[in-house]
Amino acid sequence: APDTTVTTAAPVTTVATTVPETTTTTAPALVPVQFRPDGIGFALFGDDAEAVIATAITYFGAITTDSGLLPGGFGDYGVCPGTQFRQVYFLADTLMLMFSDVAYFRAGGVQNFVHYTYYSAAGTTVTDGPPTSIDLGNTVAQLQAMWPDVVVAADDPLYGDVFLVEAGPGFDWLGGTLTGITSTDTIEAIRGGVGCGE
């Protein structure tokens, strides 16, 4: 009998695999710290006090000193706005944020952000610097490039050599002290808004 060859196909095996879905969560970029006439970059004057403090902690770490609520009017801090004010300090007391119920930036009766000051004897910077913001150690020339309408004045009776940026009508304001008034002199301290004795 003739040889017979039988060919059979091997069974096809199908393996189903699933690729796990990957989800990437991107945190929103932090608003940079900026010394401005209308606030500090991540907070505007008139913003709620507790919200500003909570955000400031994410930028600067723990509060180093908190005055608590103090009566407005004349006191150890000079003439302070509103019926109550509070000064909250960060970065070893070099950065102060002030809150008051005064109606400069929003209706009265609500503790809101009204003022900041920054001074560090070591000249430590907390912003990205020009052109985003001025900071300690920036020159008068850099200050004038950022704020062409800045007023630079010598021999202020209280503060010595100073600068002032008026943002327009209202209480938006930026200023500070300088090592001198030439283009190469530098910023020593920065203030914004309306604080005690303003």
C-alpha atoms as a PDB file:
ATOM      1  CA  ALA A   1       0.000   0.000   0.000  1.00  0.00           C
ATOM      2  CA  PRO A   2       1.306   3.438  -0.771  1.00  0.00           C
ATOM      3  CA  ASP A   3       2.648   5.496   2.105  1.00  0.00           C
ATOM      4  CA  THR A   4       0.143   8.026   3.408  1.00  0.00           C
ATOM      5  CA  THR A   5       1.317  11.172   5.164  1.00  0.00           C
ATOM      6  CA  VAL A   6      -1.181  13.053   7.266  1.00  0.00           C
ATOM      7  CA  THR A   7      -0.312  16.647   8.197  1.00  0.00           C
ATOM      8  CA  THR A   8      -2.175  18.289  11.103  1.00  0.00           C
ATOM      9  CA  ALA A   9      -1.892  21.953  12.034  1.00  0.00           C
ATOM     10  CA  ALA A  10      -0.900  22.754  15.569  1.00  0.00           C
ATOM     11  CA  PRO A  11      -3.670  24.522  17.465  1.00  0.00           C
ATOM     12  CA  VAL A  12      -3.258  28.310  17.629  1.00  0.00           C
ATOM     13  CA  THR A  13      -3.071  29.624  21.144  1.00  0.00           C
ATOM     14  CA  THR A  14      -4.075  33.218  21.743  1.00  0.00           C
ATOM     15  CA  VAL A  15      -3.074  34.917  24.982  1.00  0.00           C
ATOM     16  CA  ALA A  16      -4.935  38.111  25.846  1.00  0.00           C
ATOM     17  CA  THR A  17      -2.939  40.643  27.802  1.00  0.00           C
ATOM     18  CA  THR A  18      -4.052  43.989  29.158  1.00  0.00           C
ATOM     19  CA  VAL A  19      -1.732  46.933  29.615  1.00  0.00           C
ATOM     20  CA  PRO A  20      -2.496  48.769  32.834  1.00  0.00           C
ATOM     21  CA  GLU A  21      -3.549  52.369  32.321  1.00  0.00           C
ATOM     22  CA  THR A  22      -1.118  54.899  33.674  1.00  0.00           C
ATOM     23  CA  THR A  23      -2.318  58.205  35.025  1.00  0.00           C
ATOM     24  CA  THR A  24       0.072  61.107  35.363  1.00  0.00           C
ATOM     25  CA  THR A  25      -0.915  63.873  37.725  1.00  0.00           C
ATOM     26  CA  THR A  26       0.872  67.161  37.239  1.00  0.00           C
ATOM     27  CA  ALA A  27       0.724  69.545  40.162  1.00  0.00           C
ATOM     28  CA  PRO A  28      -0.098  73.106  39.181  1.00  0.00           C
ATOM     29  CA  ALA A  29       2.967  75.307  38.987  1.00  0.00           C
ATOM     30  CA  LEU A  30       3.394  77.567  41.988  1.00  0.00           C
ATOM     31  CA  VAL A  31       2.887  81.243  41.319  1.00  0.00           C
ATOM     32  CA  PRO A  32       6.293  82.869  41.851  1.00  0.00           C
ATOM     33  CA  VAL A  33       6.898  85.100  44.824  1.00  0.00           C
ATOM     34  CA  GLN A  34       6.883  88.653  43.502  1.00  0.00           C
ATOM     35  CA  PHE A  35       7.292  91.921  45.363  1.00  0.00           C
ATOM     36  CA  ARG A  36       4.634  94.072  43.687  1.00  0.00           C
ATOM     37  CA  PRO A  37       2.525  97.169  44.481  1.00  0.00           C
ATOM     38  CA  ASP A  38      -0.613  94.980  44.536  1.00  0.00           C
ATOM     39  CA  GLY A  39       0.689  92.081  46.634  1.00  0.00           C
ATOM     40  CA  ILE A  40       3.328  89.388  46.837  1.00  0.00           C
ATOM     41  CA  GLY A  41       2.644  87.387  43.678  1.00  0.00           C
ATOM     42  CA  PHE A  42       0.798  84.432  45.185  1.00  0.00           C
ATOM     43  CA  ALA A  43      -1.511  86.772  47.131  1.00  0.00           C
ATOM     44  CA  LEU A  44      -3.070  90.155  46.389  1.00  0.00           C
ATOM     45  CA  PHE A  45      -3.841  92.846  48.904  1.00  0.00           C
ATOM     46  CA  GLY A  46      -7.416  92.308  50.073  1.00  0.00           C
ATOM     47  CA  ASP A  47      -7.164  88.495  50.014  1.00  0.00           C
ATOM     48  CA  ASP A  48      -8.484  86.583  53.042  1.00  0.00           C
ATOM     49  CA  ALA A  49      -5.977  86.446  55.896  1.00  0.00           C
ATOM     50  CA  GLU A  50      -6.160  82.731  56.693  1.00  0.00           C
ATOM     51  CA  ALA A  51      -5.923  81.726  53.029  1.00  0.00           C
ATOM     52  CA  VAL A  52      -2.834  83.917  52.523  1.00  0.00           C
ATOM     53  CA  ILE A  53      -1.164  82.531  55.652  1.00  0.00           C
ATOM     54  CA  ALA A  54      -1.858  78.933  54.592  1.00  0.00           C
ATOM     55  CA  THR A  55      -0.357  79.593  51.156  1.00  0.00           C
ATOM     56  CA  ALA A  56       2.639  81.416  52.630  1.00  0.00           C
ATOM     57  CA  ILE A  57       3.431  78.347  54.758  1.00  0.00           C
ATOM     58  CA  THR A  58       3.720  76.260  51.578  1.00  0.00           C
ATOM     59  CA  TYR A  59       6.291  78.739  50.236  1.00  0.00           C
ATOM     60  CA  PHE A  60       8.265  79.715  53.337  1.00  0.00           C
ATOM     61  CA  GLY A  61       7.709  76.971  55.896  1.00  0.00           C
ATOM     62  CA  ALA A  62       6.498  77.399  59.438  1.00  0.00           C
ATOM     63  CA  ILE A  63       5.531  80.739  60.937  1.00  0.00           C
ATOM     64  CA  THR A  64       8.375  82.023  63.127  1.00  0.00           C
ATOM     65  CA  THR A  65       6.443  84.752  64.984  1.00  0.00           C
ATOM     66  CA  ASP A  66       2.730  85.596  65.105  1.00  0.00           C
ATOM     67  CA  SER A  67       1.588  88.755  66.890  1.00  0.00           C
ATOM     68  CA  GLY A  68      -1.996  87.542  67.119  1.00  0.00           C
ATOM     69  CA  LEU A  69      -4.745  90.129  66.786  1.00  0.00           C
ATOM     70  CA  LEU A  70      -3.729  93.506  68.201  1.00  0.00           C
ATOM     71  CA  PRO A  71      -5.864  96.641  68.561  1.00  0.00           C
ATOM     72  CA  GLY A  72      -5.500  99.154  65.742  1.00  0.00           C
ATOM     73  CA  GLY A  73      -4.664 102.783  66.319  1.00  0.00           C
ATOM     74  CA  PHE A  74      -1.511 104.134  67.934  1.00  0.00           C
ATOM     75  CA  GLY A  75       0.724 101.636  69.713  1.00  0.00           C
ATOM     76  CA  ASP A  76       4.165 100.048  69.780  1.00  0.00           C
ATOM     77  CA  TYR A  77       4.026  99.673  65.993  1.00  0.00           C
ATOM     78  CA  GLY A  78       3.075 103.303  65.302  1.00  0.00           C
ATOM     79  CA  VAL A  79      -0.335 104.165  63.887  1.00  0.00           C
ATOM     80  CA  CYS A  80      -1.768 100.866  62.639  1.00  0.00           C
ATOM     81  CA  PRO A  81      -4.787 100.582  60.343  1.00  0.00           C
ATOM     82  CA  GLY A  82      -8.187  99.171  61.272  1.00  0.00           C
ATOM     83  CA  THR A  83      -9.682  98.173  64.591  1.00  0.00           C
ATOM     84  CA  GLN A  84      -7.486  95.046  64.685  1.00  0.00           C
ATOM     85  CA  PHE A  85      -4.318  93.997  62.907  1.00  0.00           C
ATOM     86  CA  ARG A  86      -2.010  90.971  62.892  1.00  0.00           C
ATOM     87  CA  GLN A  87       1.610  90.554  61.829  1.00  0.00           C
ATOM     88  CA  VAL A  88       2.800  87.085  60.791  1.00  0.00           C
ATOM     89  CA  TYR A  89       6.525  86.446  60.265  1.00  0.00           C
ATOM     90  CA  PHE A  90       8.380  83.852  58.224  1.00  0.00           C
ATOM     91  CA  LEU A  91      12.014  83.000  57.396  1.00  0.00           C
ATOM     92  CA  ALA A  92      13.460  83.768  60.839  1.00  0.00           C
ATOM     93  CA  ASP A  93      11.375  86.958  61.056  1.00  0.00           C
ATOM     94  CA  THR A  94      12.826  88.479  57.869  1.00  0.00           C
ATOM     95  CA  LEU A  95       9.507  88.431  55.971  1.00  0.00           C
ATOM     96  CA  MET A  96       6.402  89.947  57.562  1.00  0.00           C
ATOM     97  CA  LEU A  97       2.862  89.727  56.202  1.00  0.00           C
ATOM     98  CA  MET A  98       0.324  92.062  57.800  1.00  0.00           C
ATOM     99  CA  PHE A  99      -3.438  91.673  58.000  1.00  0.00           C
ATOM    100  CA  SER A 100      -6.125  94.100  59.130  1.00  0.00           C
ATOM    101  CA  ASP A 101      -9.875  94.664  59.046  1.00  0.00           C
ATOM    102  CA  VAL A 102      -9.331  98.104  57.498  1.00  0.00           C
ATOM    103  CA  ALA A 103     -11.292  98.815  54.291  1.00  0.00           C
ATOM    104  CA  TYR A 104      -8.320  99.767  52.105  1.00  0.00           C
ATOM    105  CA  PHE A 105      -8.565  96.825  49.707  1.00  0.00           C
ATOM    106  CA  ARG A 106     -11.960  95.263  50.551  1.00  0.00           C
ATOM    107  CA  ALA A 107     -15.025  95.986  52.676  1.00  0.00           C
ATOM    108  CA  GLY A 108     -14.160  96.553  56.339  1.00  0.00           C
ATOM    109  CA  GLY A 109     -14.673  94.045  59.092  1.00  0.00           C
ATOM    110  CA  VAL A 110     -12.772  91.198  57.385  1.00  0.00           C
ATOM    111  CA  GLN A 111      -9.157  90.370  58.206  1.00  0.00           C
ATOM    112  CA  ASN A 112      -7.363  90.754  54.882  1.00  0.00           C
ATOM    113  CA  PHE A 113      -3.835  91.068  53.517  1.00  0.00           C
ATOM    114  CA  VAL A 114      -2.718  94.733  53.568  1.00  0.00           C
ATOM    115  CA  HIS A 115       1.084  94.931  53.810  1.00  0.00           C
ATOM    116  CA  TYR A 116       4.413  93.109  53.615  1.00  0.00           C
ATOM    117  CA  THR A 117       8.033  93.878  54.455  1.00  0.00           C
ATOM    118  CA  TYR A 118      11.187  91.961  53.654  1.00  0.00           C
ATOM    119  CA  TYR A 119      14.657  92.584  55.042  1.00  0.00           C
ATOM    120  CA  SER A 120      17.508  90.132  55.482  1.00  0.00           C
ATOM    121  CA  ALA A 121      20.863  91.236  56.847  1.00  0.00           C
ATOM    122  CA  ALA A 122      22.401  88.388  54.852  1.00  0.00           C
ATOM    123  CA  GLY A 123      20.760  89.666  51.666  1.00  0.00           C
ATOM    124  CA  THR A 124      18.950  86.361  51.100  1.00  0.00           C
ATOM    125  CA  THR A 125      16.654  86.510  48.076  1.00  0.00           C
ATOM    126  CA  VAL A 126      13.204  84.893  47.944  1.00  0.00           C
ATOM    127  CA  THR A 127      12.087  85.679  44.377  1.00  0.00           C
ATOM    128  CA  ASP A 128      13.369  84.764  40.923  1.00  0.00           C
ATOM    129  CA  GLY A 129      14.622  88.326  40.578  1.00  0.00           C
ATOM    130  CA  PRO A 130      14.402  90.524  37.462  1.00  0.00           C
ATOM    131  CA  PRO A 131      12.573  90.637  35.190  1.00  0.00           C
ATOM    132  CA  THR A 132       9.946  88.811  37.270  1.00  0.00           C
ATOM    133  CA  SER A 133      10.443  90.729  40.514  1.00  0.00           C
ATOM    134  CA  ILE A 134      12.805  93.007  42.331  1.00  0.00           C
ATOM    135  CA  ASP A 135      14.633  91.559  45.329  1.00  0.00           C
ATOM    136  CA  LEU A 136      17.290  92.424  47.859  1.00  0.00           C
ATOM    137  CA  GLY A 137      20.623  93.220  46.255  1.00  0.00           C
ATOM    138  CA  ASN A 138      19.156  94.306  42.921  1.00  0.00           C
ATOM    139  CA  THR A 139      20.662  97.541  41.644  1.00  0.00           C
ATOM    140  CA  VAL A 140      18.922 100.848  41.169  1.00  0.00           C
ATOM    141  CA  ALA A 141      19.440 100.329  37.425  1.00  0.00           C
ATOM    142  CA  GLN A 142      17.551  96.996  37.589  1.00  0.00           C
ATOM    143  CA  LEU A 143      14.819  98.624  39.680  1.00  0.00           C
ATOM    144  CA  GLN A 144      14.415 101.414  37.117  1.00  0.00           C
ATOM    145  CA  ALA A 145      14.307  98.901  34.255  1.00  0.00           C
ATOM    146  CA  MET A 146      11.445  97.013  35.922  1.00  0.00           C
ATOM    147  CA  TRP A 147       9.566 100.081  37.127  1.00  0.00           C
ATOM    148  CA  PRO A 148      10.432 103.048  34.841  1.00  0.00           C
ATOM    149  CA  ASP A 149       8.241 105.410  36.901  1.00  0.00           C
ATOM    150  CA  VAL A 150      10.003 104.605  40.180  1.00  0.00           C
ATOM    151  CA  VAL A 151      10.974 107.585  42.319  1.00  0.00           C
ATOM    152  CA  VAL A 152      14.458 107.322  43.845  1.00  0.00           C
ATOM    153  CA  ALA A 153      15.174 109.853  46.593  1.00  0.00           C
ATOM    154  CA  ALA A 154      18.036 110.594  48.952  1.00  0.00           C
ATOM    155  CA  ASP A 155      17.928 111.442  52.642  1.00  0.00           C
ATOM    156  CA  ASP A 156      14.346 110.600  53.594  1.00  0.00           C
ATOM    157  CA  PRO A 157      14.081 111.855  57.217  1.00  0.00           C
ATOM    158  CA  LEU A 158      12.992 108.417  58.481  1.00  0.00           C
ATOM    159  CA  TYR A 159      14.589 105.897  56.132  1.00  0.00           C
ATOM    160  CA  GLY A 160      17.496 107.536  54.298  1.00  0.00           C
ATOM    161  CA  ASP A 161      17.836 106.628  50.618  1.00  0.00           C
ATOM    162  CA  VAL A 162      14.545 105.195  49.355  1.00  0.00           C
ATOM    163  CA  PHE A 163      12.524 104.185  46.318  1.00  0.00           C
ATOM    164  CA  LEU A 164       8.791 104.416  45.701  1.00  0.00           C
ATOM    165  CA  VAL A 165       6.519 102.931  43.037  1.00  0.00           C
ATOM    166  CA  GLU A 166       2.983 104.337  42.938  1.00  0.00           C
ATOM    167  CA  ALA A 167       0.743 101.967  41.013  1.00  0.00           C
ATOM    168  CA  GLY A 168      -2.063 104.488  40.546  1.00  0.00           C
ATOM    169  CA  PRO A 169      -5.065 105.637  42.558  1.00  0.00           C
ATOM    170  CA  GLY A 170      -5.810 103.671  45.690  1.00  0.00           C
ATOM    171  CA  PHE A 171      -3.481 102.050  48.191  1.00  0.00           C
ATOM    172  CA  ASP A 172      -1.327  99.859  45.923  1.00  0.00           C
ATOM    173  CA  TRP A 173       2.243 100.810  46.754  1.00  0.00           C
ATOM    174  CA  LEU A 174       5.793  99.424  46.603  1.00  0.00           C
ATOM    175  CA  GLY A 175       8.874 100.924  48.190  1.00  0.00           C
ATOM    176  CA  GLY A 176      11.952 100.301  50.246  1.00  0.00           C
ATOM    177  CA  THR A 177      15.405 101.437  51.233  1.00  0.00           C
ATOM    178  CA  LEU A 178      18.611 101.634  49.185  1.00  0.00           C
ATOM    179  CA  THR A 179      22.336 101.721  49.869  1.00  0.00           C
ATOM    180  CA  GLY A 180      22.427 104.945  47.803  1.00  0.00           C
ATOM    181  CA  ILE A 181      20.841 106.484  44.729  1.00  0.00           C
ATOM    182  CA  THR A 182      23.398 105.803  41.985  1.00  0.00           C
ATOM    183  CA  SER A 183      22.665 103.182  39.319  1.00  0.00           C
ATOM    184  CA  THR A 184      24.941 100.638  41.020  1.00  0.00           C
ATOM    185  CA  ASP A 185      23.531 101.057  44.534  1.00  0.00           C
ATOM    186  CA  THR A 186      21.308  98.227  45.721  1.00  0.00           C
ATOM    187  CA  ILE A 187      18.002  97.468  47.445  1.00  0.00           C
ATOM    188  CA  GLU A 188      18.302  96.871  51.204  1.00  0.00           C
ATOM    189  CA  ALA A 189      14.655  96.359  52.197  1.00  0.00           C
ATOM    190  CA  ILE A 190      11.291  96.085  50.435  1.00  0.00           C
ATOM    191  CA  ARG A 191       7.775  97.056  51.549  1.00  0.00           C
ATOM    192  CA  GLY A 192       4.383  96.958  49.888  1.00  0.00           C
ATOM    193  CA  GLY A 193       0.838  97.941  50.771  1.00  0.00           C
ATOM    194  CA  VAL A 194      -0.127  99.983  53.817  1.00  0.00           C
ATOM    195  CA  GLY A 195       1.273  99.072  57.224  1.00  0.00           C
ATOM    196  CA  CYS A 196       1.734 100.708  60.590  1.00  0.00           C
ATOM    197  CA  GLY A 197       3.026 104.253  60.512  1.00  0.00           C
ATOM    198  CA  GLU A 198       2.392 104.590  56.752  1.00  0.00           C
END
